[in-house]
Structure formats: C-alpha cells, structure tokens
C-alpha cells in the first residue's frame, strides 16, 4: 500500500467562514444515521424529513439523497451566521475536510486550501486521526433513495 502524502499529518482549523456551507451549489449526502439523527432533532418522521429537506441526486450509476439548498445555494440549515443543526450535522460535514476525494494527493489538498482558509492552519491532525475520519465515512454508508 502506498504511503499517503499526509503521513506526517495535516493542519486544519475551521475559520467559520461558511464557504463550505454557502454561496456555491453542492451536495450534502446523508447516511442512514444522519437521517435518523436529523429527523429526531426536528421531531418529525423520516419520510417528512426527506420530503421537506432532501432531494434525490442522480450521479449516473448511483443515486443519493442530499440536503436541499436555498435559492442562493446556502445549505437549507444555514441561517443567521451559522449552522442551525451543528450538534447533529451530517457526517459529511463533521469529517470535512478529511474526505477521500481531497486526500488523494497534496495537489488536491492545496486546491481545497485556495477556497478554504482553514486548510494548513490551526490544529495538527495525525495520520491516525485523519484515517479515523475516513473510516467513519466508510462505516456509515450513504443511503440510496430506495434504502430510506
């Protein structure tokens, strides 16, 4: 197995700029645990949560469930300067920026850093901590529309 470029760890500290939550279109894919936690937090059943706050995204060979966005591309749960569901935010948000798509190469990490002021600042995350975040995502798979 190849040694990852982050073998000595990486630095990241959320700058609370909300760039990852606002202004640009994107997806926040949900796992079954996310769906359970969020519907419980909002005191509605899963079906109602899906209908009110989610959309189906066709990714070609896969379909996933994502949170919807406001007309200005802000996350549906971003309001008044922050995340209104922060304590129960989806795993995708909790593990940001330690996603496999970002950790493929140092170049991918640096590209993220051009848009995210928290990259290469603040807390040092060890390789073990980074790999634990990656494992969290593997152990809590995303739901498909027929799974929920």
C-alpha atoms as a PDB file:
ATOM      1  CA  UNK A   1       0.000   0.000   0.000  1.00  0.00           C
ATOM      2  CA  UNK A   2       1.274   3.441  -0.867  1.00  0.00           C
ATOM      3  CA  UNK A   3       2.133   5.807   1.929  1.00  0.00           C
ATOM      4  CA  UNK A   4      -0.328   8.715   1.883  1.00  0.00           C
ATOM      5  CA  UNK A   5       1.005  12.224   1.411  1.00  0.00           C
ATOM      6  CA  UNK A   6      -0.441  13.099   4.828  1.00  0.00           C
ATOM      7  CA  UNK A   7       1.749  10.524   6.622  1.00  0.00           C
ATOM      8  CA  UNK A   8       3.059  13.299   8.905  1.00  0.00           C
ATOM      9  CA  UNK A   9      -0.450  14.656   9.405  1.00  0.00           C
ATOM     10  CA  UNK A  10      -2.155  17.837   8.240  1.00  0.00           C
ATOM     11  CA  UNK A  11      -3.179  21.119   9.782  1.00  0.00           C
ATOM     12  CA  UNK A  12      -6.755  22.315   9.759  1.00  0.00           C
ATOM     13  CA  UNK A  13      -8.785  24.740  11.833  1.00  0.00           C
ATOM     14  CA  UNK A  14     -12.253  25.778  10.777  1.00  0.00           C
ATOM     15  CA  UNK A  15     -12.208  29.536  10.157  1.00  0.00           C
ATOM     16  CA  UNK A  16     -16.018  29.656  10.485  1.00  0.00           C
ATOM     17  CA  UNK A  17     -16.173  31.416   7.108  1.00  0.00           C
ATOM     18  CA  UNK A  18     -19.079  29.191   5.984  1.00  0.00           C
ATOM     19  CA  UNK A  19     -17.658  28.908   2.459  1.00  0.00           C
ATOM     20  CA  UNK A  20     -18.313  25.172   2.553  1.00  0.00           C
ATOM     21  CA  UNK A  21     -21.958  25.803   3.516  1.00  0.00           C
ATOM     22  CA  UNK A  22     -22.910  28.774   1.395  1.00  0.00           C
ATOM     23  CA  UNK A  23     -22.943  30.527  -1.961  1.00  0.00           C
ATOM     24  CA  UNK A  24     -21.905  27.640  -4.217  1.00  0.00           C
ATOM     25  CA  UNK A  25     -24.044  24.693  -5.239  1.00  0.00           C
ATOM     26  CA  UNK A  26     -23.068  21.342  -3.817  1.00  0.00           C
ATOM     27  CA  UNK A  27     -24.319  18.225  -2.142  1.00  0.00           C
ATOM     28  CA  UNK A  28     -24.558  17.112   1.458  1.00  0.00           C
ATOM     29  CA  UNK A  29     -25.154  13.395   1.112  1.00  0.00           C
ATOM     30  CA  UNK A  30     -26.826  11.669   4.028  1.00  0.00           C
ATOM     31  CA  UNK A  31     -26.245   8.354   5.725  1.00  0.00           C
ATOM     32  CA  UNK A  32     -28.952   6.377   7.483  1.00  0.00           C
ATOM     33  CA  UNK A  33     -27.600   7.621  10.834  1.00  0.00           C
ATOM     34  CA  UNK A  34     -27.754  11.217   9.593  1.00  0.00           C
ATOM     35  CA  UNK A  35     -31.374  10.768   8.569  1.00  0.00           C
ATOM     36  CA  UNK A  36     -32.313   9.270  11.934  1.00  0.00           C
ATOM     37  CA  UNK A  37     -30.480  11.976  13.911  1.00  0.00           C
ATOM     38  CA  UNK A  38     -31.842  14.898  11.907  1.00  0.00           C
ATOM     39  CA  UNK A  39     -35.439  13.718  11.816  1.00  0.00           C
ATOM     40  CA  UNK A  40     -35.249  13.099  15.568  1.00  0.00           C
ATOM     41  CA  UNK A  41     -33.722  16.530  16.182  1.00  0.00           C
ATOM     42  CA  UNK A  42     -36.522  18.204  14.230  1.00  0.00           C
ATOM     43  CA  UNK A  43     -39.138  15.925  15.825  1.00  0.00           C
ATOM     44  CA  UNK A  44     -40.526  14.710  12.523  1.00  0.00           C
ATOM     45  CA  UNK A  45     -40.574  11.257  10.963  1.00  0.00           C
ATOM     46  CA  UNK A  46     -38.008  10.242   8.360  1.00  0.00           C
ATOM     47  CA  UNK A  47     -40.480  10.433   5.485  1.00  0.00           C
ATOM     48  CA  UNK A  48     -41.437  14.008   6.358  1.00  0.00           C
ATOM     49  CA  UNK A  49     -37.773  14.983   6.716  1.00  0.00           C
ATOM     50  CA  UNK A  50     -36.960  13.525   3.313  1.00  0.00           C
ATOM     51  CA  UNK A  51     -39.871  15.311   1.675  1.00  0.00           C
ATOM     52  CA  UNK A  52     -39.171  18.703   3.270  1.00  0.00           C
ATOM     53  CA  UNK A  53     -35.346  18.863   3.378  1.00  0.00           C
ATOM     54  CA  UNK A  54     -33.939  16.449   0.797  1.00  0.00           C
ATOM     55  CA  UNK A  55     -33.595  15.744  -2.887  1.00  0.00           C
ATOM     56  CA  UNK A  56     -32.512  12.761  -4.934  1.00  0.00           C
ATOM     57  CA  UNK A  57     -29.283  13.282  -6.856  1.00  0.00           C
ATOM     58  CA  UNK A  58     -28.623  11.163  -9.917  1.00  0.00           C
ATOM     59  CA  UNK A  59     -24.874  10.545 -10.174  1.00  0.00           C
ATOM     60  CA  UNK A  60     -25.035   8.356 -13.262  1.00  0.00           C
ATOM     61  CA  UNK A  61     -24.675   4.839 -11.934  1.00  0.00           C
ATOM     62  CA  UNK A  62     -25.718   5.844  -8.410  1.00  0.00           C
ATOM     63  CA  UNK A  63     -28.481   7.853  -6.842  1.00  0.00           C
ATOM     64  CA  UNK A  64     -28.013   9.504  -3.448  1.00  0.00           C
ATOM     65  CA  UNK A  65     -30.043  11.600  -1.050  1.00  0.00           C
ATOM     66  CA  UNK A  66     -28.758  15.114  -0.401  1.00  0.00           C
ATOM     67  CA  UNK A  67     -29.964  18.043   1.633  1.00  0.00           C
ATOM     68  CA  UNK A  68     -31.628  20.705  -0.472  1.00  0.00           C
ATOM     69  CA  UNK A  69     -30.268  24.221  -0.781  1.00  0.00           C
ATOM     70  CA  UNK A  70     -31.862  27.602  -0.578  1.00  0.00           C
ATOM     71  CA  UNK A  71     -32.258  29.615  -3.793  1.00  0.00           C
ATOM     72  CA  UNK A  72     -28.946  31.386  -3.075  1.00  0.00           C
ATOM     73  CA  UNK A  73     -27.192  27.965  -2.746  1.00  0.00           C
ATOM     74  CA  UNK A  74     -26.830  28.181   1.036  1.00  0.00           C
ATOM     75  CA  UNK A  75     -27.390  24.935   2.900  1.00  0.00           C
ATOM     76  CA  UNK A  76     -31.005  24.631   3.971  1.00  0.00           C
ATOM     77  CA  UNK A  77     -29.800  24.602   7.594  1.00  0.00           C
ATOM     78  CA  UNK A  78     -27.519  27.646   7.423  1.00  0.00           C
ATOM     79  CA  UNK A  79     -29.079  30.734   8.969  1.00  0.00           C
ATOM     80  CA  UNK A  80     -28.141  33.833  10.948  1.00  0.00           C
ATOM     81  CA  UNK A  81     -24.412  33.279  10.712  1.00  0.00           C
ATOM     82  CA  UNK A  82     -24.182  29.563  11.293  1.00  0.00           C
ATOM     83  CA  UNK A  83     -25.434  26.025  11.143  1.00  0.00           C
ATOM     84  CA  UNK A  84     -28.754  25.571  12.897  1.00  0.00           C
ATOM     85  CA  UNK A  85     -28.169  21.814  13.291  1.00  0.00           C
ATOM     86  CA  UNK A  86     -24.470  21.969  14.174  1.00  0.00           C
ATOM     87  CA  UNK A  87     -24.586  19.412  17.010  1.00  0.00           C
ATOM     88  CA  UNK A  88     -26.331  16.883  14.741  1.00  0.00           C
ATOM     89  CA  UNK A  89     -24.784  17.955  11.420  1.00  0.00           C
ATOM     90  CA  UNK A  90     -24.306  15.195   8.847  1.00  0.00           C
ATOM     91  CA  UNK A  91     -21.182  13.070   8.954  1.00  0.00           C
ATOM     92  CA  UNK A  92     -20.045  14.643   5.674  1.00  0.00           C
ATOM     93  CA  UNK A  93     -19.910  17.991   7.471  1.00  0.00           C
ATOM     94  CA  UNK A  94     -18.330  16.560  10.637  1.00  0.00           C
ATOM     95  CA  UNK A  95     -15.461  14.978   8.716  1.00  0.00           C
ATOM     96  CA  UNK A  96     -14.720  17.959   6.454  1.00  0.00           C
ATOM     97  CA  UNK A  97     -12.103  18.431   5.011  1.00  0.00           C
ATOM     98  CA  UNK A  98     -10.833  14.908   5.580  1.00  0.00           C
ATOM     99  CA  UNK A  99     -12.591  13.294   2.639  1.00  0.00           C
ATOM    100  CA  UNK A 100     -11.033  10.676   0.370  1.00  0.00           C
ATOM    101  CA  UNK A 101     -11.658  12.943  -2.641  1.00  0.00           C
ATOM    102  CA  UNK A 102      -9.499  15.649  -1.035  1.00  0.00           C
ATOM    103  CA  UNK A 103      -6.804  13.337   0.313  1.00  0.00           C
ATOM    104  CA  UNK A 104      -5.835  11.722  -2.988  1.00  0.00           C
ATOM    105  CA  UNK A 105      -2.824  13.959  -3.420  1.00  0.00           C
ATOM    106  CA  UNK A 106      -1.101  17.024  -1.986  1.00  0.00           C
ATOM    107  CA  UNK A 107      -2.334  18.901  -5.059  1.00  0.00           C
ATOM    108  CA  UNK A 108      -5.980  18.139  -4.186  1.00  0.00           C
ATOM    109  CA  UNK A 109      -5.341  19.350  -0.619  1.00  0.00           C
ATOM    110  CA  UNK A 110      -3.748  22.550  -1.907  1.00  0.00           C
ATOM    111  CA  UNK A 111      -6.647  23.178  -4.313  1.00  0.00           C
ATOM    112  CA  UNK A 112      -9.028  22.949  -1.368  1.00  0.00           C
ATOM    113  CA  UNK A 113      -6.804  25.373   0.512  1.00  0.00           C
ATOM    114  CA  UNK A 114      -7.351  28.034  -2.154  1.00  0.00           C
ATOM    115  CA  UNK A 115     -11.017  28.153  -1.161  1.00  0.00           C
ATOM    116  CA  UNK A 116     -10.882  27.141   2.483  1.00  0.00           C
ATOM    117  CA  UNK A 117      -8.892  29.442   4.797  1.00  0.00           C
ATOM    118  CA  UNK A 118      -8.734  26.725   7.463  1.00  0.00           C
ATOM    119  CA  UNK A 119      -6.513  24.417   5.417  1.00  0.00           C
ATOM    120  CA  UNK A 120      -2.894  24.340   6.657  1.00  0.00           C
ATOM    121  CA  UNK A 121      -3.725  26.325   9.805  1.00  0.00           C
ATOM    122  CA  UNK A 122      -4.522  25.531  13.418  1.00  0.00           C
ATOM    123  CA  UNK A 123      -4.750  22.039  14.863  1.00  0.00           C
ATOM    124  CA  UNK A 124      -2.400  19.299  13.714  1.00  0.00           C
ATOM    125  CA  UNK A 125      -4.285  16.120  12.807  1.00  0.00           C
ATOM    126  CA  UNK A 126      -2.169  12.989  12.858  1.00  0.00           C
ATOM    127  CA  UNK A 127      -2.343  10.359  10.168  1.00  0.00           C
ATOM    128  CA  UNK A 128      -4.250   8.165  12.620  1.00  0.00           C
ATOM    129  CA  UNK A 129      -6.849  10.886  13.283  1.00  0.00           C
ATOM    130  CA  UNK A 130      -7.282  11.520   9.555  1.00  0.00           C
ATOM    131  CA  UNK A 131      -7.703   7.827   8.831  1.00  0.00           C
ATOM    132  CA  UNK A 132     -10.241   7.543  11.661  1.00  0.00           C
ATOM    133  CA  UNK A 133     -12.314  10.263   9.943  1.00  0.00           C
ATOM    134  CA  UNK A 134     -12.057   8.428   6.641  1.00  0.00           C
ATOM    135  CA  UNK A 135     -13.127   5.199   8.359  1.00  0.00           C
ATOM    136  CA  UNK A 136     -16.131   6.939   9.929  1.00  0.00           C
ATOM    137  CA  UNK A 137     -17.429   7.661   6.442  1.00  0.00           C
ATOM    138  CA  UNK A 138     -16.804   4.088   5.246  1.00  0.00           C
ATOM    139  CA  UNK A 139     -18.570   2.636   8.297  1.00  0.00           C
ATOM    140  CA  UNK A 140     -21.642   4.844   7.866  1.00  0.00           C
ATOM    141  CA  UNK A 141     -22.500   4.413   4.193  1.00  0.00           C
ATOM    142  CA  UNK A 142     -24.615   6.881   2.276  1.00  0.00           C
ATOM    143  CA  UNK A 143     -28.228   5.968   1.718  1.00  0.00           C
ATOM    144  CA  UNK A 144     -29.758   5.475  -1.663  1.00  0.00           C
ATOM    145  CA  UNK A 145     -33.329   6.595  -2.339  1.00  0.00           C
ATOM    146  CA  UNK A 146     -34.650   3.040  -2.014  1.00  0.00           C
ATOM    147  CA  UNK A 147     -32.865   2.475   1.346  1.00  0.00           C
ATOM    148  CA  UNK A 148     -34.525   5.091   3.473  1.00  0.00           C
END
